[in-house]
N, C-alpha and C. Protein backbone atom coordinates (compact mmCIF):
# COMPACT_ATOMS: atom_id res chain seq x y z
N MET A 1 83.55 124.99 94.28
CA MET A 1 84.91 124.83 94.78
C MET A 1 85.49 123.52 94.23
N LEU A 2 86.69 123.59 93.72
CA LEU A 2 87.34 122.41 93.16
C LEU A 2 87.84 121.48 94.26
N PRO A 3 87.76 120.19 94.05
CA PRO A 3 88.34 119.26 95.02
C PRO A 3 89.87 119.43 95.07
N ALA A 4 90.43 119.16 96.22
CA ALA A 4 91.88 119.33 96.40
C ALA A 4 92.66 118.43 95.46
N SER A 5 92.13 117.27 95.13
CA SER A 5 92.86 116.36 94.24
C SER A 5 93.03 116.97 92.85
N ILE A 6 92.02 117.68 92.36
CA ILE A 6 92.13 118.33 91.05
C ILE A 6 93.13 119.48 91.12
N VAL A 7 93.07 120.25 92.20
CA VAL A 7 94.02 121.36 92.37
C VAL A 7 95.45 120.82 92.41
N ARG A 8 95.66 119.71 93.12
CA ARG A 8 97.00 119.13 93.20
C ARG A 8 97.48 118.63 91.83
N ARG A 9 96.57 118.02 91.06
CA ARG A 9 96.96 117.53 89.73
C ARG A 9 97.33 118.68 88.81
N VAL A 10 96.52 119.73 88.82
CA VAL A 10 96.82 120.90 87.99
C VAL A 10 98.14 121.52 88.44
N ALA A 11 98.34 121.61 89.74
CA ALA A 11 99.59 122.17 90.26
C ALA A 11 100.78 121.33 89.82
N LEU A 12 100.63 120.02 89.80
CA LEU A 12 101.72 119.15 89.37
C LEU A 12 102.06 119.39 87.91
N VAL A 13 101.04 119.52 87.07
CA VAL A 13 101.27 119.76 85.64
C VAL A 13 101.95 121.11 85.43
N VAL A 14 101.44 122.14 86.10
CA VAL A 14 102.03 123.48 85.95
C VAL A 14 103.46 123.50 86.47
N CYS A 15 103.70 122.82 87.57
CA CYS A 15 105.05 122.78 88.14
C CYS A 15 106.00 122.05 87.19
N ALA A 16 105.56 120.95 86.61
CA ALA A 16 106.40 120.22 85.66
C ALA A 16 106.70 121.08 84.44
N ALA A 17 105.68 121.79 83.96
CA ALA A 17 105.89 122.68 82.82
C ALA A 17 106.85 123.81 83.18
N SER A 18 106.75 124.30 84.40
CA SER A 18 107.65 125.37 84.85
C SER A 18 109.09 124.88 84.91
N ILE A 19 109.27 123.64 85.34
CA ILE A 19 110.64 123.10 85.37
C ILE A 19 111.19 123.00 83.96
N GLY A 20 110.34 122.54 83.04
CA GLY A 20 110.76 122.51 81.64
C GLY A 20 111.09 123.90 81.12
N GLY A 21 110.28 124.87 81.49
CA GLY A 21 110.54 126.25 81.10
C GLY A 21 111.84 126.78 81.67
N MET A 22 112.13 126.41 82.93
CA MET A 22 113.40 126.84 83.53
C MET A 22 114.58 126.26 82.76
N ILE A 23 114.46 124.98 82.41
CA ILE A 23 115.56 124.34 81.69
C ILE A 23 115.74 124.97 80.31
N ALA A 24 114.62 125.14 79.59
CA ALA A 24 114.70 125.71 78.24
C ALA A 24 115.22 127.13 78.26
N SER A 25 114.74 127.93 79.20
CA SER A 25 115.20 129.32 79.24
C SER A 25 116.65 129.42 79.72
N SER A 26 117.09 128.48 80.52
CA SER A 26 118.50 128.47 80.91
C SER A 26 119.38 128.12 79.72
N ILE A 27 118.92 127.16 78.91
CA ILE A 27 119.67 126.81 77.71
C ILE A 27 119.74 128.00 76.75
N ALA A 28 118.61 128.74 76.67
CA ALA A 28 118.57 129.91 75.79
C ALA A 28 119.28 131.11 76.41
N ASN A 29 119.86 130.93 77.58
CA ASN A 29 120.61 131.97 78.28
C ASN A 29 119.72 133.16 78.64
N SER A 30 118.49 132.87 79.06
CA SER A 30 117.55 133.91 79.46
C SER A 30 117.28 133.74 80.96
N THR A 31 118.12 134.37 81.76
CA THR A 31 117.98 134.20 83.20
C THR A 31 116.68 134.79 83.74
N GLY A 32 116.19 135.84 83.14
CA GLY A 32 114.93 136.43 83.59
C GLY A 32 113.76 135.47 83.42
N ALA A 33 113.72 134.80 82.29
CA ALA A 33 112.64 133.83 82.05
C ALA A 33 112.79 132.63 82.98
N ALA A 34 114.03 132.19 83.19
CA ALA A 34 114.26 131.07 84.10
C ALA A 34 113.79 131.42 85.51
N LEU A 35 114.08 132.64 85.93
CA LEU A 35 113.63 133.10 87.24
C LEU A 35 112.11 133.17 87.31
N ALA A 36 111.47 133.64 86.24
CA ALA A 36 110.01 133.72 86.21
C ALA A 36 109.38 132.33 86.30
N PHE A 37 109.93 131.38 85.54
CA PHE A 37 109.41 130.01 85.61
C PHE A 37 109.62 129.41 87.01
N GLY A 38 110.74 129.73 87.61
CA GLY A 38 111.01 129.25 88.97
C GLY A 38 110.04 129.82 89.98
N MET A 39 109.71 131.10 89.83
CA MET A 39 108.73 131.71 90.73
C MET A 39 107.34 131.09 90.55
N VAL A 40 106.98 130.80 89.30
CA VAL A 40 105.69 130.15 89.04
C VAL A 40 105.67 128.78 89.73
N ALA A 41 106.75 128.03 89.60
CA ALA A 41 106.82 126.71 90.24
C ALA A 41 106.70 126.83 91.76
N ALA A 42 107.34 127.84 92.33
CA ALA A 42 107.28 128.02 93.79
C ALA A 42 105.87 128.36 94.23
N VAL A 43 105.22 129.27 93.51
CA VAL A 43 103.85 129.67 93.87
C VAL A 43 102.89 128.50 93.73
N VAL A 44 103.03 127.73 92.66
CA VAL A 44 102.15 126.58 92.45
C VAL A 44 102.37 125.54 93.54
N SER A 45 103.60 125.37 93.98
CA SER A 45 103.86 124.43 95.08
C SER A 45 103.17 124.88 96.35
N ILE A 46 103.21 126.16 96.64
CA ILE A 46 102.53 126.69 97.83
C ILE A 46 101.02 126.52 97.70
N VAL A 47 100.48 126.76 96.51
CA VAL A 47 99.03 126.57 96.28
C VAL A 47 98.65 125.13 96.55
N SER A 48 99.46 124.19 96.10
CA SER A 48 99.18 122.78 96.32
C SER A 48 99.19 122.43 97.81
N ILE A 49 100.15 122.98 98.53
CA ILE A 49 100.23 122.73 99.97
C ILE A 49 99.00 123.31 100.68
N VAL A 50 98.63 124.52 100.34
CA VAL A 50 97.46 125.16 100.97
C VAL A 50 96.18 124.41 100.63
N ALA A 51 96.03 124.00 99.37
CA ALA A 51 94.82 123.26 98.97
C ALA A 51 94.70 121.96 99.76
N THR A 52 95.81 121.30 99.99
CA THR A 52 95.79 120.06 100.77
C THR A 52 95.45 120.35 102.23
N ALA A 53 95.99 121.43 102.77
CA ALA A 53 95.78 121.75 104.18
C ALA A 53 94.34 122.15 104.48
N VAL A 54 93.69 122.84 103.57
CA VAL A 54 92.35 123.33 103.86
C VAL A 54 91.25 122.42 103.32
N ALA A 55 91.62 121.36 102.63
CA ALA A 55 90.61 120.44 102.08
C ALA A 55 89.90 119.72 103.22
N PRO A 56 88.60 119.55 103.10
CA PRO A 56 87.89 118.81 104.14
C PRO A 56 88.31 117.35 104.14
N GLY A 57 88.40 116.79 105.34
CA GLY A 57 88.79 115.39 105.47
C GLY A 57 87.64 114.46 105.14
N ALA A 58 87.93 113.20 105.17
CA ALA A 58 86.89 112.20 104.92
C ALA A 58 85.88 112.21 106.06
N ARG A 59 84.65 111.91 105.72
CA ARG A 59 83.60 111.87 106.73
C ARG A 59 83.89 110.74 107.71
N PRO A 60 83.93 111.05 109.01
CA PRO A 60 84.19 109.99 109.98
C PRO A 60 83.05 108.98 109.98
N ALA A 61 83.40 107.74 110.12
CA ALA A 61 82.40 106.68 110.14
C ALA A 61 81.62 106.71 111.44
N THR A 62 80.35 106.41 111.37
CA THR A 62 79.53 106.33 112.58
C THR A 62 79.79 104.99 113.24
N ALA A 63 79.37 104.88 114.48
CA ALA A 63 79.53 103.62 115.20
C ALA A 63 78.80 102.49 114.49
N GLU A 64 77.63 102.80 113.93
CA GLU A 64 76.86 101.77 113.23
C GLU A 64 77.60 101.31 111.97
N ASP A 65 78.22 102.26 111.25
CA ASP A 65 78.99 101.91 110.06
C ASP A 65 80.17 101.01 110.42
N GLU A 66 80.88 101.37 111.47
CA GLU A 66 82.02 100.56 111.89
C GLU A 66 81.57 99.18 112.37
N ALA A 67 80.45 99.13 113.10
CA ALA A 67 79.94 97.83 113.57
C ALA A 67 79.58 96.94 112.39
N ALA A 68 78.95 97.51 111.38
CA ALA A 68 78.60 96.73 110.19
C ALA A 68 79.85 96.25 109.47
N ARG A 69 80.87 97.10 109.40
CA ARG A 69 82.12 96.71 108.75
C ARG A 69 82.81 95.58 109.49
N VAL A 70 82.86 95.69 110.82
CA VAL A 70 83.49 94.64 111.62
C VAL A 70 82.70 93.34 111.50
N GLU A 71 81.38 93.43 111.53
CA GLU A 71 80.56 92.23 111.39
C GLU A 71 80.80 91.56 110.04
N GLY A 72 80.95 92.36 108.98
CA GLY A 72 81.26 91.81 107.67
C GLY A 72 82.62 91.12 107.65
N LEU A 73 83.60 91.73 108.33
CA LEU A 73 84.92 91.11 108.41
C LEU A 73 84.88 89.81 109.19
N VAL A 74 84.12 89.79 110.28
CA VAL A 74 83.96 88.55 111.05
C VAL A 74 83.34 87.47 110.18
N HIS A 75 82.31 87.84 109.45
CA HIS A 75 81.65 86.88 108.57
C HIS A 75 82.64 86.33 107.54
N ASP A 76 83.47 87.21 106.95
CA ASP A 76 84.45 86.78 105.95
C ASP A 76 85.47 85.81 106.54
N VAL A 77 85.95 86.11 107.74
CA VAL A 77 86.95 85.25 108.37
C VAL A 77 86.34 83.90 108.72
N VAL A 78 85.11 83.90 109.23
CA VAL A 78 84.44 82.65 109.57
C VAL A 78 84.18 81.84 108.29
N ALA A 79 83.83 82.53 107.20
CA ALA A 79 83.59 81.83 105.94
C ALA A 79 84.86 81.17 105.41
N GLN A 80 86.00 81.69 105.79
CA GLN A 80 87.27 81.10 105.35
C GLN A 80 87.72 79.96 106.24
N GLY A 81 86.92 79.63 107.27
CA GLY A 81 87.21 78.45 108.07
C GLY A 81 87.57 78.70 109.52
N ALA A 82 87.62 79.93 109.96
CA ALA A 82 87.95 80.20 111.37
C ALA A 82 86.73 79.89 112.24
N GLU A 83 86.99 79.55 113.47
CA GLU A 83 85.89 79.27 114.41
C GLU A 83 85.30 80.59 114.88
N GLU A 84 83.97 80.73 114.78
CA GLU A 84 83.32 81.99 115.11
C GLU A 84 83.55 82.42 116.55
N PRO A 85 83.44 81.52 117.56
CA PRO A 85 83.70 81.98 118.94
C PRO A 85 85.11 82.55 119.11
N LEU A 86 86.07 81.96 118.43
CA LEU A 86 87.44 82.45 118.54
C LEU A 86 87.57 83.84 117.90
N VAL A 87 86.94 84.02 116.76
CA VAL A 87 86.99 85.32 116.08
C VAL A 87 86.30 86.39 116.92
N ARG A 88 85.15 86.07 117.48
CA ARG A 88 84.44 87.03 118.33
C ARG A 88 85.25 87.37 119.57
N SER A 89 85.96 86.39 120.11
CA SER A 89 86.83 86.64 121.25
C SER A 89 87.95 87.61 120.86
N LEU A 90 88.48 87.43 119.68
CA LEU A 90 89.51 88.34 119.19
C LEU A 90 88.97 89.76 119.04
N VAL A 91 87.76 89.89 118.54
CA VAL A 91 87.14 91.21 118.38
C VAL A 91 86.94 91.86 119.75
N ARG A 92 86.46 91.10 120.73
CA ARG A 92 86.28 91.65 122.08
C ARG A 92 87.62 92.12 122.66
N ALA A 93 88.66 91.33 122.45
CA ALA A 93 89.99 91.71 122.96
C ALA A 93 90.47 93.00 122.27
N ALA A 94 90.20 93.13 120.97
CA ALA A 94 90.60 94.35 120.25
C ALA A 94 89.84 95.56 120.76
N VAL A 95 88.55 95.39 121.08
CA VAL A 95 87.75 96.49 121.62
C VAL A 95 88.30 96.90 122.99
N ARG A 96 88.63 95.90 123.83
CA ARG A 96 89.19 96.23 125.16
C ARG A 96 90.51 96.96 125.01
N LEU A 97 91.33 96.53 124.06
CA LEU A 97 92.61 97.20 123.83
C LEU A 97 92.39 98.65 123.38
N GLY A 98 91.44 98.85 122.48
CA GLY A 98 91.14 100.20 122.02
C GLY A 98 90.64 101.09 123.14
N ARG A 99 89.79 100.55 123.98
CA ARG A 99 89.28 101.35 125.11
C ARG A 99 90.38 101.65 126.10
N ALA A 100 91.27 100.71 126.33
CA ALA A 100 92.37 100.93 127.27
C ALA A 100 93.32 102.01 126.75
N ASN A 101 93.52 102.07 125.45
CA ASN A 101 94.42 103.07 124.87
C ASN A 101 93.79 104.45 124.83
N ASN A 102 92.46 104.53 124.78
CA ASN A 102 91.78 105.82 124.73
C ASN A 102 91.44 106.37 126.09
N GLY A 103 91.71 105.61 127.10
CA GLY A 103 91.46 106.10 128.45
C GLY A 103 90.10 105.81 128.88
């Protein structure tokens, strides 16, 4: 199965080519071809939307992954000169805020 990003890129190229085809066939006074190119562009747009809708999302981070990320951020902020107790207090306040918002 192709990744959604590749499907979207191919759809973009085909859609752009279809727009060019619509313009060229309109200049050549070929309404049937212009209509065909327009239908191709419409179908490709729908394919792109469906590919995006059914694509699997990013893997949710585990609690351990998030804890390691936050710890790394704390370390970075402290390394830039912030006081560690103050930074940890800020993290605790953020956790309390998150818990309060989630019920």
